[in-house]
Amino acid sequence: MLYCVSKNLSKKTMKSYEQTLKLFQLYMEKEQDTKEVDKVDTKQIREYISYLRERGKYTVQVANADINRPHNRTDNGKNISMVTINNYIRNIKVFFNYLDEEHIIKVNPVTRIKQLKVYEEKKEPLQREDVKRLLNSFNIATFYGYRDYMTTKLLLSTGARIGETLSLEMDDLNFRNNTILFRDTKNKKEKLSYLTPKLSSELKKWCNFKERYSKSQFLFPTTRHTKMSVSNFEQNLRRICDSTGLEVTPHRLRRTFATDFLKAGGSIYVLSQLLDHSDVKVTELYLNLDREDLRREYLKHATLDY
């Protein structure tokens, strides 16, 4: 973990590494009777992957993990998604690759460990009617309702990630140029996004409203004037969705922005930069256009028959 700190990894990434390794350590000690890293072999890691698939969620607990109240959870014992298991595999591989590079182990057991093949369902963007229904469900007469409403509008209008959005501070807004500066980004580089005149005006009204109730430097603070957590916002969004019948996550709002941008004639190369993707190929995979999408776009933009 000190090595991760020295590499300036995000707190979210380090928390993921630490949690994964604690669970893996517990499994190795209890199920494999192995307590030293140089005794771990490839077969044991594959058995751990199989173990995760068979046991399901919350069936392995580290010390003090009862805070999750696993026995009271409706998803206790249900299948762990392939995406989650792949995250565990990635974190374990990072750990053993570190041990290998530091010459702490002689044989690297993860060299032949591969990620599981994942068949993901396509995450459909929200339709215009769904967006209107969602936005109309917020109680903007309250501080927290208005705050979550404006957070949602910003996500839909910029395609920003929720973590970098909740880290925004008042000084990151520039109403003169209608821009907003994201500092706490995934790649640690500042990202300048643009605001429509309408959104800029709405954010200005929100700032005036917010300053009457909170002196926090954060743009979207909690009612205690602290930085709002991602899980808090996701919980609030789920509560709103329960009343609308919609299934909405911050990631789906980001995908909705991306799809609407392209449908309006925007360039995928510009979109790639707006989404802060490392390569346009990531944007192509992210959108995951199906055959019907391709057919529709072809008919819309194809040249005349010769």
Protein backbone atom coordinates (compact mmCIF):
# COMPACT_ATOMS: atom_id res chain seq x y z
CA MET A 1 0.00 0.00 0.00
CA LEU A 2 2.95 2.31 0.59
CA TYR A 3 4.06 1.53 -2.95
CA CYS A 4 0.58 2.53 -4.21
CA VAL A 5 0.82 5.80 -2.27
CA SER A 6 4.22 6.50 -3.83
CA LYS A 7 2.65 6.02 -7.29
CA ASN A 8 -0.02 8.62 -6.41
CA LEU A 9 -2.90 6.24 -7.08
CA SER A 10 -6.39 7.43 -6.27
CA LYS A 11 -7.96 6.62 -2.89
CA LYS A 12 -10.66 4.64 -4.68
CA THR A 13 -8.06 2.45 -6.44
CA MET A 14 -6.09 1.86 -3.24
CA LYS A 15 -9.25 0.97 -1.32
CA SER A 16 -10.11 -1.57 -4.03
CA TYR A 17 -6.61 -3.12 -3.84
CA GLU A 18 -6.66 -3.33 -0.06
CA GLN A 19 -10.13 -4.85 0.16
CA THR A 20 -9.33 -7.44 -2.52
CA LEU A 21 -6.06 -8.48 -0.89
CA LYS A 22 -7.61 -8.78 2.58
CA LEU A 23 -10.25 -11.16 1.20
CA PHE A 24 -7.61 -13.10 -0.75
CA GLN A 25 -5.38 -13.34 2.34
CA LEU A 26 -8.30 -14.65 4.41
CA TYR A 27 -9.08 -17.30 1.78
CA MET A 28 -5.43 -18.41 1.50
CA GLU A 29 -5.09 -18.76 5.27
CA LYS A 30 -8.40 -20.51 5.97
CA GLU A 31 -8.97 -22.58 2.83
CA GLN A 32 -5.41 -23.20 1.60
CA ASP A 33 -3.47 -23.02 4.89
CA THR A 34 -1.00 -20.68 3.17
CA LYS A 35 0.37 -17.63 4.97
CA GLU A 36 3.40 -16.63 2.89
CA VAL A 37 3.29 -14.97 -0.53
CA ASP A 38 6.09 -17.07 -2.01
CA LYS A 39 4.08 -20.23 -1.29
CA VAL A 40 1.09 -19.13 -3.42
CA ASP A 41 0.87 -20.97 -6.75
CA THR A 42 -1.16 -20.58 -9.94
CA LYS A 43 -3.48 -23.49 -9.09
CA GLN A 44 -4.50 -21.86 -5.79
CA ILE A 45 -5.36 -18.59 -7.51
CA ARG A 46 -7.52 -20.45 -10.04
CA GLU A 47 -9.22 -22.27 -7.17
CA TYR A 48 -9.90 -18.90 -5.53
CA ILE A 49 -11.57 -17.64 -8.72
CA SER A 50 -13.73 -20.77 -8.78
CA TYR A 51 -14.45 -20.31 -5.06
CA LEU A 52 -15.73 -16.77 -5.67
CA ARG A 53 -18.06 -17.96 -8.41
CA GLU A 54 -19.48 -20.74 -6.24
CA ARG A 55 -19.83 -18.97 -2.88
CA GLY A 56 -21.42 -15.70 -4.02
CA LYS A 57 -21.68 -12.27 -2.40
CA TYR A 58 -20.87 -11.51 1.25
CA THR A 59 -20.06 -15.15 2.09
CA VAL A 60 -16.44 -14.23 2.84
CA GLN A 61 -15.91 -11.57 5.48
CA VAL A 62 -12.78 -9.85 6.71
CA ALA A 63 -12.38 -8.55 10.25
CA ASN A 64 -14.91 -5.89 11.24
CA ALA A 65 -16.84 -6.47 8.00
CA ASP A 66 -20.12 -7.06 9.88
CA ILE A 67 -20.77 -3.37 9.32
CA ASN A 68 -22.26 -4.54 5.99
CA ARG A 69 -24.73 -6.74 7.92
CA PRO A 70 -24.36 -9.52 5.31
CA HIS A 71 -27.16 -11.69 6.74
CA ASN A 72 -29.66 -8.87 6.34
CA ARG A 73 -28.83 -8.20 2.69
CA THR A 74 -31.24 -9.47 0.05
CA ASP A 75 -28.32 -10.26 -2.31
CA ASN A 76 -26.36 -12.28 0.25
CA GLY A 77 -25.04 -15.43 -1.46
CA LYS A 78 -26.12 -14.35 -4.95
CA ASN A 79 -23.70 -14.62 -7.84
CA ILE A 80 -20.78 -12.21 -8.00
CA SER A 81 -20.70 -10.58 -11.43
CA MET A 82 -17.94 -11.51 -13.86
CA VAL A 83 -16.93 -7.84 -13.93
CA THR A 84 -16.38 -7.84 -10.14
CA ILE A 85 -14.40 -11.10 -10.26
CA ASN A 86 -12.26 -9.64 -13.05
CA ASN A 87 -11.56 -6.65 -10.81
CA TYR A 88 -10.37 -9.05 -8.10
CA ILE A 89 -8.16 -10.88 -10.63
CA ARG A 90 -6.69 -7.58 -11.83
CA ASN A 91 -5.91 -6.45 -8.28
CA ILE A 92 -4.30 -9.76 -7.37
CA LYS A 93 -2.21 -9.65 -10.56
CA VAL A 94 -1.06 -6.12 -9.72
CA PHE A 95 0.01 -7.32 -6.26
CA PHE A 96 2.03 -10.30 -7.47
CA ASN A 97 3.57 -8.33 -10.33
CA TYR A 98 4.73 -5.84 -7.69
CA LEU A 99 6.24 -8.68 -5.64
CA ASP A 100 7.96 -9.98 -8.77
CA GLU A 101 9.40 -6.57 -9.70
CA GLU A 102 10.68 -6.09 -6.15
CA HIS A 103 12.27 -9.59 -6.23
CA ILE A 104 10.24 -10.65 -3.18
CA ILE A 105 9.11 -13.82 -4.99
CA LYS A 106 11.08 -16.03 -7.38
CA VAL A 107 8.13 -17.38 -9.39
CA ASN A 108 5.18 -15.19 -10.40
CA PRO A 109 1.97 -17.27 -10.05
CA VAL A 110 -0.22 -14.84 -12.01
CA THR A 111 1.72 -14.99 -15.30
CA ARG A 112 -0.79 -17.44 -16.83
CA ILE A 113 -3.88 -16.12 -15.03
CA LYS A 114 -6.33 -14.60 -17.53
CA GLN A 115 -9.41 -12.43 -17.10
CA LEU A 116 -12.79 -14.14 -17.43
CA LYS A 117 -14.66 -13.61 -20.67
CA VAL A 118 -17.56 -11.27 -20.02
CA TYR A 119 -20.71 -10.96 -22.10
CA GLU A 120 -22.21 -7.68 -20.99
CA GLU A 121 -25.72 -6.61 -21.71
CA LYS A 122 -25.85 -3.39 -23.66
CA LYS A 123 -26.62 -0.48 -21.35
CA GLU A 124 -29.26 1.51 -23.18
CA PRO A 125 -29.19 5.29 -22.86
CA LEU A 126 -32.21 7.10 -21.44
CA GLN A 127 -34.82 8.33 -23.88
CA ARG A 128 -35.87 11.99 -23.85
CA GLU A 129 -39.17 11.13 -22.12
CA ASP A 130 -37.26 9.19 -19.43
CA VAL A 131 -34.92 12.14 -18.81
CA LYS A 132 -37.89 14.50 -18.39
CA ARG A 133 -39.60 12.05 -16.02
CA LEU A 134 -36.40 11.68 -13.99
CA LEU A 135 -35.73 15.42 -13.67
CA ASN A 136 -39.36 16.12 -12.74
CA SER A 137 -39.08 13.67 -9.84
CA PHE A 138 -36.62 15.76 -7.80
CA ASN A 139 -38.04 17.95 -5.04
CA ILE A 140 -36.11 21.13 -5.84
CA ALA A 141 -37.81 22.97 -2.97
CA THR A 142 -35.38 21.24 -0.60
CA PHE A 143 -31.61 21.77 -0.41
CA TYR A 144 -30.69 18.12 -1.04
CA GLY A 145 -33.35 17.70 -3.74
CA TYR A 146 -32.17 20.78 -5.62
CA ARG A 147 -28.54 19.71 -5.20
CA ASP A 148 -29.15 16.20 -6.61
CA TYR A 149 -31.23 17.69 -9.43
CA MET A 150 -28.38 20.01 -10.49
CA THR A 151 -25.80 17.22 -10.11
CA THR A 152 -27.89 15.03 -12.42
CA LYS A 153 -28.30 17.83 -14.97
CA LEU A 154 -24.56 18.45 -15.00
CA LEU A 155 -23.85 14.74 -15.57
CA LEU A 156 -26.35 14.64 -18.43
CA SER A 157 -24.96 17.82 -20.00
CA THR A 158 -21.22 17.16 -19.74
CA GLY A 159 -20.85 13.36 -19.62
CA ALA A 160 -18.58 13.78 -16.59
CA ARG A 161 -17.83 10.98 -14.14
CA ILE A 162 -19.65 11.18 -10.82
CA GLY A 163 -16.46 11.17 -8.71
CA GLU A 164 -14.93 14.16 -10.47
CA THR A 165 -18.28 15.95 -10.37
CA LEU A 166 -18.69 15.62 -6.60
CA SER A 167 -15.13 16.96 -6.17
CA LEU A 168 -15.98 20.21 -7.96
CA GLU A 169 -15.49 23.41 -6.00
CA MET A 170 -17.11 26.81 -6.47
CA ASP A 171 -13.93 28.27 -7.98
CA ASP A 172 -13.98 25.64 -10.73
CA LEU A 173 -16.90 27.43 -12.40
CA ASN A 174 -16.23 30.22 -14.90
CA PHE A 175 -19.52 31.90 -15.78
CA ARG A 176 -17.84 34.46 -18.01
CA ASN A 177 -16.61 31.77 -20.40
CA ASN A 178 -19.28 29.18 -19.57
CA THR A 179 -16.69 26.56 -18.63
CA ILE A 180 -16.13 24.20 -15.74
CA LEU A 181 -12.79 22.74 -14.64
CA PHE A 182 -12.64 19.15 -13.39
CA ARG A 183 -9.51 18.62 -11.28
CA ASP A 184 -10.08 15.26 -9.60
CA THR A 185 -10.12 13.25 -12.84
CA LYS A 186 -9.39 9.58 -13.44
CA ASN A 187 -6.06 10.27 -15.17
CA LYS A 188 -5.06 12.99 -12.68
CA LYS A 189 -5.04 15.66 -15.41
CA GLU A 190 -7.26 18.72 -15.31
CA LYS A 191 -10.14 18.65 -17.79
CA LEU A 192 -11.99 21.70 -19.08
CA SER A 193 -15.64 21.14 -20.00
CA TYR A 194 -18.15 23.49 -21.53
CA LEU A 195 -21.57 24.65 -20.37
CA THR A 196 -24.53 25.66 -22.48
CA PRO A 197 -25.83 29.17 -21.70
CA LYS A 198 -28.96 27.60 -20.16
CA LEU A 199 -27.01 25.25 -17.89
CA SER A 200 -24.63 28.05 -16.93
CA SER A 201 -27.60 30.20 -15.88
CA GLU A 202 -29.10 27.31 -13.86
CA LEU A 203 -25.78 26.67 -12.10
CA LYS A 204 -25.53 30.35 -11.22
CA LYS A 205 -28.99 30.18 -9.61
CA TRP A 206 -27.95 27.04 -7.74
CA CYS A 207 -24.81 28.75 -6.42
CA ASN A 208 -26.86 31.70 -5.12
CA PHE A 209 -29.30 29.28 -3.47
CA LYS A 210 -26.53 27.12 -2.02
CA GLU A 211 -24.67 30.05 -0.46
CA ARG A 212 -27.71 30.86 1.68
CA TYR A 213 -27.49 27.44 3.34
CA SER A 214 -23.86 26.33 3.10
CA LYS A 215 -20.45 27.97 3.13
CA SER A 216 -18.78 24.80 1.85
CA GLN A 217 -16.27 25.20 -0.98
CA PHE A 218 -17.79 22.18 -2.71
CA LEU A 219 -20.30 22.83 -5.48
CA PHE A 220 -22.57 19.98 -4.38
CA PRO A 221 -21.95 19.52 -0.61
CA THR A 222 -23.83 17.44 1.92
CA THR A 223 -26.24 19.07 4.37
CA ARG A 224 -23.31 18.91 6.83
CA HIS A 225 -21.24 21.05 4.42
CA THR A 226 -18.81 18.21 3.62
CA LYS A 227 -17.91 16.56 0.33
CA MET A 228 -20.64 14.23 -0.85
CA SER A 229 -19.62 10.60 -1.46
CA VAL A 230 -20.37 8.71 -4.66
CA SER A 231 -22.32 6.06 -2.74
CA ASN A 232 -24.47 8.78 -1.13
CA PHE A 233 -25.43 10.24 -4.49
CA GLU A 234 -26.07 6.79 -5.97
CA GLN A 235 -28.34 5.97 -3.03
CA ASN A 236 -30.29 9.21 -3.52
CA LEU A 237 -30.61 8.52 -7.24
CA ARG A 238 -31.92 5.00 -6.57
CA ARG A 239 -34.52 6.46 -4.22
CA ILE A 240 -35.71 8.81 -6.97
CA CYS A 241 -35.75 5.95 -9.46
CA ASP A 242 -37.93 3.84 -7.16
CA SER A 243 -40.68 6.44 -7.58
CA THR A 244 -40.32 6.63 -11.37
CA GLY A 245 -39.78 3.00 -12.29
CA LEU A 246 -36.54 3.91 -14.08
CA GLU A 247 -33.16 2.24 -13.64
CA VAL A 248 -30.61 5.03 -13.61
CA THR A 249 -26.96 5.13 -12.55
CA PRO A 250 -24.38 7.90 -12.98
CA HIS A 251 -22.74 5.75 -15.66
CA ARG A 252 -26.01 5.53 -17.57
CA LEU A 253 -26.32 9.33 -17.47
CA ARG A 254 -22.81 9.54 -18.95
CA ARG A 255 -23.75 7.09 -21.69
CA THR A 256 -26.93 9.07 -22.42
CA PHE A 257 -24.86 12.22 -22.93
CA ALA A 258 -22.50 10.37 -25.29
CA THR A 259 -25.29 8.85 -27.38
CA ASP A 260 -27.24 12.11 -27.65
CA PHE A 261 -24.07 13.95 -28.65
CA LEU A 262 -23.47 11.56 -31.56
CA LYS A 263 -27.13 11.53 -32.61
CA ALA A 264 -27.00 15.32 -32.82
CA GLY A 265 -24.16 15.01 -35.35
CA GLY A 266 -21.20 15.35 -32.98
CA SER A 267 -17.83 13.84 -33.90
CA ILE A 268 -16.74 10.70 -32.07
CA TYR A 269 -13.23 12.17 -31.89
CA VAL A 270 -14.51 15.26 -30.08
CA LEU A 271 -16.70 13.05 -27.88
CA SER A 272 -13.66 10.96 -26.94
CA GLN A 273 -11.96 14.08 -25.57
CA LEU A 274 -15.10 15.28 -23.80
CA LEU A 275 -15.41 11.90 -22.09
CA ASP A 276 -11.71 12.02 -21.20
CA HIS A 277 -10.99 8.68 -22.85
CA SER A 278 -7.36 7.74 -23.50
CA ASP A 279 -8.14 6.62 -27.06
CA VAL A 280 -11.06 6.89 -29.48
CA LYS A 281 -11.19 3.06 -29.52
CA VAL A 282 -12.24 3.21 -25.86
CA THR A 283 -15.12 5.47 -26.90
CA GLU A 284 -16.17 3.01 -29.60
CA LEU A 285 -16.22 0.12 -27.12
CA TYR A 286 -17.94 2.29 -24.52
CA LEU A 287 -20.84 3.09 -26.87
CA ASN A 288 -21.17 -0.55 -27.98
CA LEU A 289 -23.33 0.28 -31.01
CA ASP A 290 -25.43 -2.64 -32.22
CA ARG A 291 -26.46 -3.50 -35.78
CA GLU A 292 -29.68 -1.51 -35.59
CA ASP A 293 -27.72 1.59 -34.49
CA LEU A 294 -25.32 1.14 -37.38
CA ARG A 295 -28.15 0.64 -39.88
CA ARG A 296 -29.98 3.73 -38.66
CA GLU A 297 -26.86 5.92 -38.80
CA TYR A 298 -25.93 4.57 -42.24
CA LEU A 299 -29.32 5.44 -43.70
CA LYS A 300 -29.16 8.89 -42.12
CA HIS A 301 -25.69 9.83 -43.35
CA ALA A 302 -25.00 7.68 -46.43
CA THR A 303 -24.36 9.51 -49.71
CA LEU A 304 -26.78 9.31 -52.65
CA ASP A 305 -26.91 6.10 -54.67
CA TYR A 306 -24.73 6.15 -57.79
